[in-house]
PDB file of N, CA and C in Angstrom:
ATOM      1  N   MET A   1     -11.408 -11.507 144.205  1.00  0.00           N
ATOM      2  CA  MET A   1     -10.412 -11.414 143.180  1.00  0.00           C
ATOM      3  C   MET A   1     -10.575 -10.184 142.316  1.00  0.00           C
ATOM      4  N   GLY A   2     -11.814  -9.681 142.228  1.00  0.00           N
ATOM      5  CA  GLY A   2     -12.072  -8.577 141.340  1.00  0.00           C
ATOM      6  C   GLY A   2     -11.743  -7.216 141.926  1.00  0.00           C
ATOM      7  N   THR A   3     -11.259  -7.137 143.172  1.00  0.00           N
ATOM      8  CA  THR A   3     -10.948  -5.834 143.752  1.00  0.00           C
ATOM      9  C   THR A   3      -9.683  -5.267 143.139  1.00  0.00           C
ATOM     10  N   ASN A   4      -9.652  -3.969 143.017  1.00  0.00           N
ATOM     11  CA  ASN A   4      -8.515  -3.283 142.404  1.00  0.00           C
ATOM     12  C   ASN A   4      -7.638  -2.712 143.507  1.00  0.00           C
ATOM     13  N   ARG A   5      -6.604  -3.402 143.865  1.00  0.00           N
ATOM     14  CA  ARG A   5      -5.688  -2.941 144.893  1.00  0.00           C
ATOM     15  C   ARG A   5      -4.429  -2.416 144.232  1.00  0.00           C
ATOM     16  N   GLN A   6      -3.948  -1.296 144.743  1.00  0.00           N
ATOM     17  CA  GLN A   6      -2.749  -0.693 144.197  1.00  0.00           C
ATOM     18  C   GLN A   6      -1.538  -1.123 145.003  1.00  0.00           C
ATOM     19  N   ILE A   7      -0.415  -1.274 144.332  1.00  0.00           N
ATOM     20  CA  ILE A   7       0.833  -1.566 145.025  1.00  0.00           C
ATOM     21  C   ILE A   7       1.628  -0.277 145.084  1.00  0.00           C
ATOM     22  N   ASN A   8       1.997   0.145 146.280  1.00  0.00           N
ATOM     23  CA  ASN A   8       2.767   1.367 146.496  1.00  0.00           C
ATOM     24  C   ASN A   8       4.184   1.006 146.898  1.00  0.00           C
ATOM     25  N   LEU A   9       5.138   1.776 146.421  1.00  0.00           N
ATOM     26  CA  LEU A   9       6.529   1.500 146.736  1.00  0.00           C
ATOM     27  C   LEU A   9       7.063   2.368 147.851  1.00  0.00           C
ATOM     28  N   LYS A  10       6.312   3.375 148.277  1.00  0.00           N
ATOM     29  CA  LYS A  10       6.778   4.276 149.319  1.00  0.00           C
ATOM     30  C   LYS A  10       5.675   4.452 150.346  1.00  0.00           C
ATOM     31  N   SER A  11       5.995   4.304 151.598  1.00  0.00           N
ATOM     32  CA  SER A  11       4.995   4.517 152.631  1.00  0.00           C
ATOM     33  C   SER A  11       4.820   6.001 152.874  1.00  0.00           C
ATOM     34  N   SER A  12       3.802   6.354 153.650  1.00  0.00           N
ATOM     35  CA  SER A  12       3.540   7.752 153.957  1.00  0.00           C
ATOM     36  C   SER A  12       4.419   8.256 155.095  1.00  0.00           C
ATOM     37  N   ILE A  13       5.149   7.370 155.747  1.00  0.00           N
ATOM     38  CA  ILE A  13       6.045   7.772 156.818  1.00  0.00           C
ATOM     39  C   ILE A  13       7.398   8.089 156.194  1.00  0.00           C
ATOM     40  N   PRO A  14       7.881   9.316 156.355  1.00  0.00           N
ATOM     41  CA  PRO A  14       9.156   9.683 155.726  1.00  0.00           C
ATOM     42  C   PRO A  14      10.276   8.710 156.094  1.00  0.00           C
ATOM     43  N   ASN A  15      11.122   8.439 155.129  1.00  0.00           N
ATOM     44  CA  ASN A  15      12.317   7.608 155.277  1.00  0.00           C
ATOM     45  C   ASN A  15      12.036   6.124 155.484  1.00  0.00           C
ATOM     46  N   LEU A  16      10.799   5.693 155.396  1.00  0.00           N
ATOM     47  CA  LEU A  16      10.506   4.265 155.473  1.00  0.00           C
ATOM     48  C   LEU A  16       9.937   3.833 154.130  1.00  0.00           C
ATOM     49  N   TYR A  17      10.628   2.931 153.456  1.00  0.00           N
ATOM     50  CA  TYR A  17      10.189   2.478 152.151  1.00  0.00           C
ATOM     51  C   TYR A  17       9.935   0.976 152.212  1.00  0.00           C
ATOM     52  N   PHE A  18       8.776   0.584 151.733  1.00  0.00           N
ATOM     53  CA  PHE A  18       8.469  -0.818 151.641  1.00  0.00           C
ATOM     54  C   PHE A  18       7.316  -0.988 150.667  1.00  0.00           C
ATOM     55  N   CYS A  19       7.108  -2.190 150.234  1.00  0.00           N
ATOM     56  CA  CYS A  19       6.037  -2.488 149.296  1.00  0.00           C
ATOM     57  C   CYS A  19       4.877  -3.080 150.079  1.00  0.00           C
ATOM     58  N   TYR A  20       3.684  -2.596 149.836  1.00  0.00           N
ATOM     59  CA  TYR A  20       2.518  -3.141 150.507  1.00  0.00           C
ATOM     60  C   TYR A  20       1.326  -3.114 149.567  1.00  0.00           C
ATOM     61  N   ILE A  21       0.352  -3.923 149.877  1.00  0.00           N
ATOM     62  CA  ILE A  21      -0.895  -3.914 149.129  1.00  0.00           C
ATOM     63  C   ILE A  21      -1.845  -2.983 149.865  1.00  0.00           C
ATOM     64  N   ARG A  22      -2.369  -2.007 149.162  1.00  0.00           N
ATOM     65  CA  ARG A  22      -3.228  -0.994 149.757  1.00  0.00           C
ATOM     66  C   ARG A  22      -4.543  -1.626 150.218  1.00  0.00           C
ATOM     67  N   PRO A  23      -4.843  -1.562 151.518  1.00  0.00           N
ATOM     68  CA  PRO A  23      -6.100  -2.122 152.032  1.00  0.00           C
ATOM     69  C   PRO A  23      -7.301  -1.365 151.480  1.00  0.00           C
ATOM     70  N   MET A  24      -8.406  -2.059 151.300  1.00  0.00           N
ATOM     71  CA  MET A  24      -9.610  -1.454 150.753  1.00  0.00           C
ATOM     72  C   MET A  24     -10.686  -1.231 151.824  1.00  0.00           C
ATOM     73  N   GLY A  25     -10.610  -1.921 152.943  1.00  0.00           N
ATOM     74  CA  GLY A  25     -11.650  -1.843 153.954  1.00  0.00           C
ATOM     75  C   GLY A  25     -11.349  -0.830 155.050  1.00  0.00           C
ATOM     76  N   GLU A  26     -12.163  -0.895 156.096  1.00  0.00           N
ATOM     77  CA  GLU A  26     -11.973  -0.033 157.257  1.00  0.00           C
ATOM     78  C   GLU A  26     -10.679  -0.425 157.966  1.00  0.00           C
ATOM     79  N   ILE A  27     -10.010   0.569 158.535  1.00  0.00           N
ATOM     80  CA  ILE A  27      -8.697   0.373 159.150  1.00  0.00           C
ATOM     81  C   ILE A  27      -8.781   0.592 160.652  1.00  0.00           C
ATOM     82  N   ILE A  28      -8.074  -0.253 161.398  1.00  0.00           N
ATOM     83  CA  ILE A  28      -7.892  -0.032 162.833  1.00  0.00           C
ATOM     84  C   ILE A  28      -6.434   0.340 163.051  1.00  0.00           C
ATOM     85  N   TYR A  29      -6.239   1.499 163.664  1.00  0.00           N
ATOM     86  CA  TYR A  29      -4.911   1.954 164.077  1.00  0.00           C
ATOM     87  C   TYR A  29      -4.827   1.666 165.571  1.00  0.00           C
ATOM     88  N   ASN A  30      -4.052   0.668 165.935  1.00  0.00           N
ATOM     89  CA  ASN A  30      -3.969   0.182 167.309  1.00  0.00           C
ATOM     90  C   ASN A  30      -2.676   0.664 167.959  1.00  0.00           C
ATOM     91  N   ILE A  31      -2.802   1.247 169.134  1.00  0.00           N
ATOM     92  CA  ILE A  31      -1.626   1.672 169.894  1.00  0.00           C
ATOM     93  C   ILE A  31      -1.685   0.957 171.241  1.00  0.00           C
ATOM     94  N   THR A  32      -0.698   0.126 171.494  1.00  0.00           N
ATOM     95  CA  THR A  32      -0.610  -0.603 172.759  1.00  0.00           C
ATOM     96  C   THR A  32       0.395   0.125 173.636  1.00  0.00           C
ATOM     97  N   VAL A  33      -0.021   0.403 174.886  1.00  0.00           N
ATOM     98  CA  VAL A  33       0.787   1.237 175.772  1.00  0.00           C
ATOM     99  C   VAL A  33       0.935   0.575 177.137  1.00  0.00           C
ATOM    100  N   LYS A  34       2.184   0.399 177.567  1.00  0.00           N
ATOM    101  CA  LYS A  34       2.480  -0.055 178.928  1.00  0.00           C
ATOM    102  C   LYS A  34       2.781   1.203 179.727  1.00  0.00           C
ATOM    103  N   VAL A  35       2.079   1.370 180.858  1.00  0.00           N
ATOM    104  CA  VAL A  35       2.118   2.608 181.633  1.00  0.00           C
ATOM    105  C   VAL A  35       2.694   2.332 183.024  1.00  0.00           C
ATOM    106  N   ASP A  36       3.610   3.183 183.460  1.00  0.00           N
ATOM    107  CA  ASP A  36       4.133   3.102 184.820  1.00  0.00           C
ATOM    108  C   ASP A  36       2.954   3.174 185.791  1.00  0.00           C
ATOM    109  N   SER A  37       2.868   2.232 186.699  1.00  0.00           N
ATOM    110  CA  SER A  37       1.714   2.152 187.606  1.00  0.00           C
ATOM    111  C   SER A  37       1.518   3.409 188.451  1.00  0.00           C
ATOM    112  N   GLN A  38       2.587   4.155 188.710  1.00  0.00           N
ATOM    113  CA  GLN A  38       2.463   5.368 189.520  1.00  0.00           C
ATOM    114  C   GLN A  38       1.725   6.494 188.801  1.00  0.00           C
ATOM    115  N   ILE A  39       1.685   6.460 187.483  1.00  0.00           N
ATOM    116  CA  ILE A  39       0.990   7.523 186.730  1.00  0.00           C
ATOM    117  C   ILE A  39      -0.203   6.975 185.943  1.00  0.00           C
ATOM    118  N   ALA A  40      -0.522   5.707 186.119  1.00  0.00           N
ATOM    119  CA  ALA A  40      -1.540   5.057 185.289  1.00  0.00           C
ATOM    120  C   ALA A  40      -2.900   5.744 185.372  1.00  0.00           C
ATOM    121  N   ASP A  41      -3.354   6.090 186.551  1.00  0.00           N
ATOM    122  CA  ASP A  41      -4.672   6.732 186.669  1.00  0.00           C
ATOM    123  C   ASP A  41      -4.686   8.101 185.999  1.00  0.00           C
ATOM    124  N   GLU A  42      -3.632   8.882 186.198  1.00  0.00           N
ATOM    125  CA  GLU A  42      -3.533  10.205 185.580  1.00  0.00           C
ATOM    126  C   GLU A  42      -3.457  10.078 184.063  1.00  0.00           C
ATOM    127  N   TRP A  43      -2.662   9.127 183.571  1.00  0.00           N
ATOM    128  CA  TRP A  43      -2.528   8.911 182.134  1.00  0.00           C
ATOM    129  C   TRP A  43      -3.871   8.518 181.517  1.00  0.00           C
ATOM    130  N   LEU A  44      -4.573   7.578 182.148  1.00  0.00           N
ATOM    131  CA  LEU A  44      -5.858   7.115 181.621  1.00  0.00           C
ATOM    132  C   LEU A  44      -6.871   8.262 181.575  1.00  0.00           C
ATOM    133  N   ASP A  45      -6.913   9.067 182.617  1.00  0.00           N
ATOM    134  CA  ASP A  45      -7.809  10.218 182.655  1.00  0.00           C
ATOM    135  C   ASP A  45      -7.476  11.190 181.525  1.00  0.00           C
ATOM    136  N   TRP A  46      -6.193  11.469 181.321  1.00  0.00           N
ATOM    137  CA  TRP A  46      -5.746  12.364 180.251  1.00  0.00           C
ATOM    138  C   TRP A  46      -6.100  11.792 178.878  1.00  0.00           C
ATOM    139  N   MET A  47      -5.906  10.511 178.704  1.00  0.00           N
ATOM    140  CA  MET A  47      -6.244   9.881 177.427  1.00  0.00           C
ATOM    141  C   MET A  47      -7.725  10.047 177.113  1.00  0.00           C
ATOM    142  N   LEU A  48      -8.579   9.715 178.080  1.00  0.00           N
ATOM    143  CA  LEU A  48     -10.016   9.713 177.847  1.00  0.00           C
ATOM    144  C   LEU A  48     -10.610  11.114 177.729  1.00  0.00           C
ATOM    145  N   LYS A  49     -10.074  12.065 178.482  1.00  0.00           N
ATOM    146  CA  LYS A  49     -10.667  13.410 178.505  1.00  0.00           C
ATOM    147  C   LYS A  49     -10.009  14.401 177.548  1.00  0.00           C
ATOM    148  N   ILE A  50      -8.736  14.188 177.234  1.00  0.00           N
ATOM    149  CA  ILE A  50      -8.009  15.182 176.434  1.00  0.00           C
ATOM    150  C   ILE A  50      -7.490  14.599 175.121  1.00  0.00           C
ATOM    151  N   HIS A  51      -6.607  13.615 175.219  1.00  0.00           N
ATOM    152  CA  HIS A  51      -5.910  13.146 174.020  1.00  0.00           C
ATOM    153  C   HIS A  51      -6.834  12.510 172.983  1.00  0.00           C
ATOM    154  N   ILE A  52      -7.613  11.537 173.375  1.00  0.00           N
ATOM    155  CA  ILE A  52      -8.478  10.847 172.414  1.00  0.00           C
ATOM    156  C   ILE A  52      -9.465  11.816 171.753  1.00  0.00           C
ATOM    157  N   PRO A  53     -10.133  12.700 172.510  1.00  0.00           N
ATOM    158  CA  PRO A  53     -11.001  13.678 171.834  1.00  0.00           C
ATOM    159  C   PRO A  53     -10.256  14.554 170.824  1.00  0.00           C
ATOM    160  N   GLU A  54      -8.996  14.919 171.126  1.00  0.00           N
ATOM    161  CA  GLU A  54      -8.207  15.706 170.171  1.00  0.00           C
ATOM    162  C   GLU A  54      -7.904  14.906 168.910  1.00  0.00           C
ATOM    163  N   VAL A  55      -7.573  13.638 169.053  1.00  0.00           N
ATOM    164  CA  VAL A  55      -7.311  12.790 167.892  1.00  0.00           C
ATOM    165  C   VAL A  55      -8.580  12.662 167.043  1.00  0.00           C
ATOM    166  N   LEU A  56      -9.720  12.469 167.677  1.00  0.00           N
ATOM    167  CA  LEU A  56     -10.971  12.347 166.929  1.00  0.00           C
ATOM    168  C   LEU A  56     -11.338  13.644 166.215  1.00  0.00           C
ATOM    169  N   LYS A  57     -10.965  14.784 166.771  1.00  0.00           N
ATOM    170  CA  LYS A  57     -11.257  16.074 166.141  1.00  0.00           C
ATOM    171  C   LYS A  57     -10.521  16.257 164.816  1.00  0.00           C
ATOM    172  N   THR A  58      -9.493  15.459 164.552  1.00  0.00           N
ATOM    173  CA  THR A  58      -8.786  15.565 163.270  1.00  0.00           C
ATOM    174  C   THR A  58      -9.688  15.168 162.103  1.00  0.00           C
ATOM    175  N   GLY A  59     -10.724  14.400 162.383  1.00  0.00           N
ATOM    176  CA  GLY A  59     -11.609  13.919 161.334  1.00  0.00           C
ATOM    177  C   GLY A  59     -11.091  12.694 160.609  1.00  0.00           C
ATOM    178  N   CYS A  60      -9.973  12.176 161.038  1.00  0.00           N
ATOM    179  CA  CYS A  60      -9.379  11.017 160.373  1.00  0.00           C
ATOM    180  C   CYS A  60      -9.965   9.695 160.863  1.00  0.00           C
ATOM    181  N   PHE A  61     -10.560   9.713 162.027  1.00  0.00           N
ATOM    182  CA  PHE A  61     -11.107   8.488 162.612  1.00  0.00           C
ATOM    183  C   PHE A  61     -12.580   8.687 162.944  1.00  0.00           C
ATOM    184  N   THR A  62     -13.337   7.628 162.792  1.00  0.00           N
ATOM    185  CA  THR A  62     -14.778   7.702 163.024  1.00  0.00           C
ATOM    186  C   THR A  62     -15.161   7.357 164.463  1.00  0.00           C
ATOM    187  N   ARG A  63     -14.339   6.566 165.118  1.00  0.00           N
ATOM    188  CA  ARG A  63     -14.624   6.153 166.503  1.00  0.00           C
ATOM    189  C   ARG A  63     -13.359   5.525 167.091  1.00  0.00           C
ATOM    190  N   TYR A  64     -13.456   5.159 168.358  1.00  0.00           N
ATOM    191  CA  TYR A  64     -12.322   4.513 169.025  1.00  0.00           C
ATOM    192  C   TYR A  64     -12.857   3.548 170.073  1.00  0.00           C
ATOM    193  N   GLN A  65     -11.977   2.729 170.590  1.00  0.00           N
ATOM    194  CA  GLN A  65     -12.261   1.979 171.805  1.00  0.00           C
ATOM    195  C   GLN A  65     -10.978   1.862 172.604  1.00  0.00           C
ATOM    196  N   MET A  66     -11.133   1.911 173.916  1.00  0.00           N
ATOM    197  CA  MET A  66     -10.005   1.794 174.844  1.00  0.00           C
ATOM    198  C   MET A  66     -10.156   0.456 175.545  1.00  0.00           C
ATOM    199  N   LEU A  67      -9.068  -0.290 175.605  1.00  0.00           N
ATOM    200  CA  LEU A  67      -9.089  -1.604 176.237  1.00  0.00           C
ATOM    201  C   LEU A  67      -7.951  -1.721 177.240  1.00  0.00           C
ATOM    202  N   LYS A  68      -8.147  -2.574 178.228  1.00  0.00           N
ATOM    203  CA  LYS A  68      -7.079  -2.887 179.180  1.00  0.00           C
ATOM    204  C   LYS A  68      -6.764  -4.371 179.058  1.00  0.00           C
ATOM    205  N   LEU A  69      -5.488  -4.686 178.917  1.00  0.00           N
ATOM    206  CA  LEU A  69      -5.086  -6.076 178.829  1.00  0.00           C
ATOM    207  C   LEU A  69      -5.255  -6.736 180.188  1.00  0.00           C
ATOM    208  N   LEU A  70      -5.846  -7.915 180.197  1.00  0.00           N
ATOM    209  CA  LEU A  70      -6.121  -8.612 181.452  1.00  0.00           C
ATOM    210  C   LEU A  70      -5.177  -9.774 181.712  1.00  0.00           C
ATOM    211  N   ASP A  71      -4.695 -10.406 180.694  1.00  0.00           N
ATOM    212  CA  ASP A  71      -3.889 -11.611 180.841  1.00  0.00           C
ATOM    213  C   ASP A  71      -2.425 -11.249 181.033  1.00  0.00           C
ATOM    214  N   GLN A  72      -2.123 -10.709 182.229  1.00  0.00           N
ATOM    215  CA  GLN A  72      -0.738 -10.356 182.529  1.00  0.00           C
ATOM    216  C   GLN A  72      -0.486 -10.538 184.016  1.00  0.00           C
ATOM    217  N   ASP A  73       0.762 -10.648 184.370  1.00  0.00           N
ATOM    218  CA  ASP A  73       1.182 -10.801 185.760  1.00  0.00           C
ATOM    219  C   ASP A  73       0.692  -9.607 186.573  1.00  0.00           C
ATOM    220  N   GLU A  74       0.158  -9.846 187.757  1.00  0.00           N
ATOM    221  CA  GLU A  74      -0.364  -8.765 188.588  1.00  0.00           C
ATOM    222  C   GLU A  74       0.707  -7.744 188.974  1.00  0.00           C
ATOM    223  N   SER A  75       1.964  -8.161 189.016  1.00  0.00           N
ATOM    224  CA  SER A  75       3.031  -7.230 189.369  1.00  0.00           C
ATOM    225  C   SER A  75       3.479  -6.396 188.167  1.00  0.00           C
ATOM    226  N   ALA A  76       2.998  -6.747 186.975  1.00  0.00           N
ATOM    227  CA  ALA A  76       3.389  -6.022 185.759  1.00  0.00           C
ATOM    228  C   ALA A  76       2.689  -4.665 185.702  1.00  0.00           C
ATOM    229  N   GLU A  77       3.302  -3.760 184.989  1.00  0.00           N
ATOM    230  CA  GLU A  77       2.697  -2.448 184.775  1.00  0.00           C
ATOM    231  C   GLU A  77       1.424  -2.630 183.946  1.00  0.00           C
ATOM    232  N   PRO A  78       0.403  -1.789 184.171  1.00  0.00           N
ATOM    233  CA  PRO A  78      -0.824  -1.919 183.383  1.00  0.00           C
ATOM    234  C   PRO A  78      -0.564  -1.626 181.908  1.00  0.00           C
ATOM    235  N   THR A  79      -1.246  -2.373 181.056  1.00  0.00           N
ATOM    236  CA  THR A  79      -1.097  -2.222 179.615  1.00  0.00           C
ATOM    237  C   THR A  79      -2.474  -1.991 179.007  1.00  0.00           C
ATOM    238  N   TYR A  80      -2.531  -1.015 178.101  1.00  0.00           N
ATOM    239  CA  TYR A  80      -3.784  -0.624 177.463  1.00  0.00           C
ATOM    240  C   TYR A  80      -3.611  -0.679 175.947  1.00  0.00           C
ATOM    241  N   ALA A  81      -4.726  -0.776 175.255  1.00  0.00           N
ATOM    242  CA  ALA A  81      -4.742  -0.653 173.800  1.00  0.00           C
ATOM    243  C   ALA A  81      -5.820   0.367 173.441  1.00  0.00           C
ATOM    244  N   VAL A  82      -5.452   1.291 172.573  1.00  0.00           N
ATOM    245  CA  VAL A  82      -6.403   2.252 172.036  1.00  0.00           C
ATOM    246  C   VAL A  82      -6.546   1.919 170.558  1.00  0.00           C
ATOM    247  N   GLN A  83      -7.770   1.711 170.122  1.00  0.00           N
ATOM    248  CA  GLN A  83      -8.018   1.378 168.728  1.00  0.00           C
ATOM    249  C   GLN A  83      -8.843   2.491 168.092  1.00  0.00           C
ATOM    250  N   TYR A  84      -8.235   3.132 167.108  1.00  0.00           N
ATOM    251  CA  TYR A  84      -8.904   4.176 166.344  1.00  0.00           C
ATOM    252  C   TYR A  84      -9.350   3.574 165.018  1.00  0.00           C
ATOM    253  N   TYR A  85     -10.583   3.853 164.607  1.00  0.00           N
ATOM    254  CA  TYR A  85     -11.141   3.312 163.379  1.00  0.00           C
ATOM    255  C   TYR A  85     -11.159   4.386 162.293  1.00  0.00           C
ATOM    256  N   ALA A  86     -10.520   4.085 161.164  1.00  0.00           N
ATOM    257  CA  ALA A  86     -10.511   4.984 160.006  1.00  0.00           C
ATOM    258  C   ALA A  86     -11.363   4.356 158.911  1.00  0.00           C
ATOM    259  N   ALA A  87     -12.160   5.169 158.239  1.00  0.00           N
ATOM    260  CA  ALA A  87     -13.045   4.668 157.187  1.00  0.00           C
ATOM    261  C   ALA A  87     -12.268   4.108 156.004  1.00  0.00           C
ATOM    262  N   SER A  88     -11.037   4.584 155.815  1.00  0.00           N
ATOM    263  CA  SER A  88     -10.238   4.131 154.678  1.00  0.00           C
ATOM    264  C   SER A  88      -8.756   4.256 155.008  1.00  0.00           C
ATOM    265  N   PHE A  89      -7.950   3.623 154.192  1.00  0.00           N
ATOM    266  CA  PHE A  89      -6.508   3.729 154.358  1.00  0.00           C
ATOM    267  C   PHE A  89      -6.045   5.158 154.101  1.00  0.00           C
ATOM    268  N   ASP A  90      -6.731   5.857 153.183  1.00  0.00           N
ATOM    269  CA  ASP A  90      -6.389   7.252 152.895  1.00  0.00           C
ATOM    270  C   ASP A  90      -6.556   8.132 154.131  1.00  0.00           C
ATOM    271  N   LYS A  91      -7.623   7.889 154.921  1.00  0.00           N
ATOM    272  CA  LYS A  91      -7.831   8.682 156.143  1.00  0.00           C
ATOM    273  C   LYS A  91      -6.733   8.373 157.175  1.00  0.00           C
ATOM    274  N   TYR A  92      -6.326   7.123 157.261  1.00  0.00           N
ATOM    275  CA  TYR A  92      -5.229   6.752 158.155  1.00  0.00           C
ATOM    276  C   TYR A  92      -3.938   7.453 157.717  1.00  0.00           C
ATOM    277  N   GLN A  93      -3.651   7.433 156.415  1.00  0.00           N
ATOM    278  CA  GLN A  93      -2.455   8.103 155.908  1.00  0.00           C
ATOM    279  C   GLN A  93      -2.519   9.610 156.158  1.00  0.00           C
ATOM    280  N   GLU A  94      -3.693  10.192 156.010  1.00  0.00           N
ATOM    281  CA  GLU A  94      -3.868  11.615 156.300  1.00  0.00           C
ATOM    282  C   GLU A  94      -3.474  11.905 157.750  1.00  0.00           C
ATOM    283  N   TYR A  95      -3.906  11.038 158.655  1.00  0.00           N
ATOM    284  CA  TYR A  95      -3.536  11.202 160.061  1.00  0.00           C
ATOM    285  C   TYR A  95      -2.018  11.160 160.227  1.00  0.00           C
ATOM    286  N   LEU A  96      -1.378  10.172 159.614  1.00  0.00           N
ATOM    287  CA  LEU A  96       0.076  10.045 159.740  1.00  0.00           C
ATOM    288  C   LEU A  96       0.795  11.277 159.211  1.00  0.00           C
ATOM    289  N   LEU A  97       0.394  11.741 158.059  1.00  0.00           N
ATOM    290  CA  LEU A  97       1.078  12.859 157.407  1.00  0.00           C
ATOM    291  C   LEU A  97       0.827  14.208 158.069  1.00  0.00           C
ATOM    292  N   GLN A  98      -0.384  14.424 158.556  1.00  0.00           N
ATOM    293  CA  GLN A  98      -0.748  15.756 159.030  1.00  0.00           C
ATOM    294  C   GLN A  98      -0.814  15.914 160.541  1.00  0.00           C
ATOM    295  N   HIS A  99      -0.920  14.801 161.295  1.00  0.00           N
ATOM    296  CA  HIS A  99      -1.183  14.944 162.724  1.00  0.00           C
ATOM    297  C   HIS A  99      -0.305  14.111 163.648  1.00  0.00           C
ATOM    298  N   ALA A 100       0.090  12.928 163.230  1.00  0.00           N
ATOM    299  CA  ALA A 100       0.746  11.974 164.125  1.00  0.00           C
ATOM    300  C   ALA A 100       1.996  12.535 164.786  1.00  0.00           C
ATOM    301  N   SER A 101       2.818  13.217 164.038  1.00  0.00           N
ATOM    302  CA  SER A 101       4.078  13.721 164.576  1.00  0.00           C
ATOM    303  C   SER A 101       3.864  14.669 165.759  1.00  0.00           C
ATOM    304  N   SER A 102       2.933  15.585 165.627  1.00  0.00           N
ATOM    305  CA  SER A 102       2.704  16.540 166.723  1.00  0.00           C
ATOM    306  C   SER A 102       2.113  15.844 167.947  1.00  0.00           C
ATOM    307  N   PHE A 103       1.228  14.875 167.738  1.00  0.00           N
ATOM    308  CA  PHE A 103       0.676  14.133 168.880  1.00  0.00           C
ATOM    309  C   PHE A 103       1.768  13.322 169.580  1.00  0.00           C
ATOM    310  N   ARG A 104       2.636  12.694 168.807  1.00  0.00           N
ATOM    311  CA  ARG A 104       3.709  11.895 169.404  1.00  0.00           C
ATOM    312  C   ARG A 104       4.670  12.772 170.207  1.00  0.00           C
ATOM    313  N   LYS A 105       4.991  13.949 169.684  1.00  0.00           N
ATOM    314  CA  LYS A 105       5.860  14.877 170.424  1.00  0.00           C
ATOM    315  C   LYS A 105       5.223  15.303 171.730  1.00  0.00           C
ATOM    316  N   GLU A 106       3.926  15.581 171.700  1.00  0.00           N
ATOM    317  CA  GLU A 106       3.198  15.972 172.910  1.00  0.00           C
ATOM    318  C   GLU A 106       3.240  14.863 173.959  1.00  0.00           C
ATOM    319  N   ILE A 107       3.067  13.629 173.509  1.00  0.00           N
ATOM    320  CA  ILE A 107       3.072  12.490 174.428  1.00  0.00           C
ATOM    321  C   ILE A 107       4.448  12.305 175.060  1.00  0.00           C
ATOM    322  N   VAL A 108       5.493  12.403 174.265  1.00  0.00           N
ATOM    323  CA  VAL A 108       6.857  12.271 174.800  1.00  0.00           C
ATOM    324  C   VAL A 108       7.138  13.379 175.804  1.00  0.00           C
ATOM    325  N   LYS A 109       6.737  14.593 175.481  1.00  0.00           N
ATOM    326  CA  LYS A 109       6.964  15.723 176.379  1.00  0.00           C
ATOM    327  C   LYS A 109       6.216  15.537 177.705  1.00  0.00           C
ATOM    328  N   LYS A 110       4.975  15.076 177.639  1.00  0.00           N
ATOM    329  CA  LYS A 110       4.153  14.952 178.842  1.00  0.00           C
ATOM    330  C   LYS A 110       4.513  13.737 179.689  1.00  0.00           C
ATOM    331  N   TRP A 111       4.769  12.594 179.050  1.00  0.00           N
ATOM    332  CA  TRP A 111       4.923  11.345 179.797  1.00  0.00           C
ATOM    333  C   TRP A 111       6.336  10.772 179.778  1.00  0.00           C
ATOM    334  N   GLY A 112       7.176  11.233 178.885  1.00  0.00           N
ATOM    335  CA  GLY A 112       8.564  10.770 178.851  1.00  0.00           C
ATOM    336  C   GLY A 112       8.684   9.265 178.797  1.00  0.00           C
ATOM    337  N   ASP A 113       9.561   8.721 179.642  1.00  0.00           N
ATOM    338  CA  ASP A 113       9.777   7.279 179.649  1.00  0.00           C
ATOM    339  C   ASP A 113       8.886   6.552 180.649  1.00  0.00           C
ATOM    340  N   ASN A 114       7.806   7.207 181.087  1.00  0.00           N
ATOM    341  CA  ASN A 114       6.823   6.557 181.962  1.00  0.00           C
ATOM    342  C   ASN A 114       5.865   5.663 181.186  1.00  0.00           C
ATOM    343  N   ILE A 115       5.930   5.743 179.871  1.00  0.00           N
ATOM    344  CA  ILE A 115       5.121   4.866 179.034  1.00  0.00           C
ATOM    345  C   ILE A 115       5.989   4.290 177.916  1.00  0.00           C
ATOM    346  N   VAL A 116       5.609   3.109 177.461  1.00  0.00           N
ATOM    347  CA  VAL A 116       6.250   2.468 176.320  1.00  0.00           C
ATOM    348  C   VAL A 116       5.117   2.014 175.411  1.00  0.00           C
ATOM    349  N   SER A 117       5.217   2.331 174.121  1.00  0.00           N
ATOM    350  CA  SER A 117       4.115   1.971 173.224  1.00  0.00           C
ATOM    351  C   SER A 117       4.628   1.386 171.916  1.00  0.00           C
ATOM    352  N   PHE A 118       3.749   0.664 171.261  1.00  0.00           N
ATOM    353  CA  PHE A 118       4.005   0.221 169.896  1.00  0.00           C
ATOM    354  C   PHE A 118       2.688   0.279 169.132  1.00  0.00           C
ATOM    355  N   ARG A 119       2.801   0.418 167.831  1.00  0.00           N
ATOM    356  CA  ARG A 119       1.641   0.621 166.979  1.00  0.00           C
ATOM    357  C   ARG A 119       1.505  -0.491 165.952  1.00  0.00           C
ATOM    358  N   THR A 120       0.258  -0.839 165.655  1.00  0.00           N
ATOM    359  CA  THR A 120      -0.047  -1.765 164.578  1.00  0.00           C
ATOM    360  C   THR A 120      -1.221  -1.207 163.778  1.00  0.00           C
ATOM    361  N   VAL A 121      -1.263  -1.578 162.519  1.00  0.00           N
ATOM    362  CA  VAL A 121      -2.345  -1.151 161.641  1.00  0.00           C
ATOM    363  C   VAL A 121      -2.976  -2.413 161.067  1.00  0.00           C
ATOM    364  N   MET A 122      -4.302  -2.462 161.141  1.00  0.00           N
ATOM    365  CA  MET A 122      -5.022  -3.664 160.696  1.00  0.00           C
ATOM    366  C   MET A 122      -6.179  -3.277 159.791  1.00  0.00           C
ATOM    367  N   GLU A 123      -6.516  -4.158 158.886  1.00  0.00           N
ATOM    368  CA  GLU A 123      -7.683  -3.973 158.023  1.00  0.00           C
ATOM    369  C   GLU A 123      -8.796  -4.896 158.533  1.00  0.00           C
ATOM    370  N   ILE A 124      -9.996  -4.339 158.658  1.00  0.00           N
ATOM    371  CA  ILE A 124     -11.162  -5.146 159.044  1.00  0.00           C
ATOM    372  C   ILE A 124     -11.642  -5.915 157.813  1.00  0.00           C
ATOM    373  N   LEU A 125     -11.745  -7.208 157.936  1.00  0.00           N
ATOM    374  CA  LEU A 125     -12.106  -8.045 156.792  1.00  0.00           C
ATOM    375  C   LEU A 125     -13.582  -8.444 156.763  1.00  0.00           C
ATOM    376  N   ASN A 126     -14.263  -8.361 157.882  1.00  0.00           N
ATOM    377  CA  ASN A 126     -15.689  -8.771 157.878  1.00  0.00           C
ATOM    378  C   ASN A 126     -16.591  -7.674 158.374  1.00  0.00           C
TER     379      ASN A 126
END
């Protein structure tokens, strides 16, 4: 109860306004990606050798983990989750403001509609 959380009326993403309680703990920026099976091996190799190291070089995240979803139909396209860990919400916001747009453009240019992704942001509570 004694923590001092700020209420912000504007998010760091341009043109999106909402009210949220500013998290105080470590943040996980999770990106879940469904990949066309024909490019899955190439995409995974690119993620592990090129993209993820570039994201970590921003200094906004302290570490990451790559996961593959297992509980899915065998005929379904492979689905992965990449979890980037930020020491604070401020570091996550720094990533959004200074880096996310260029990385997203690069991904669209390279992979087009061969991948579908969605993002979630979580606070670690324990």
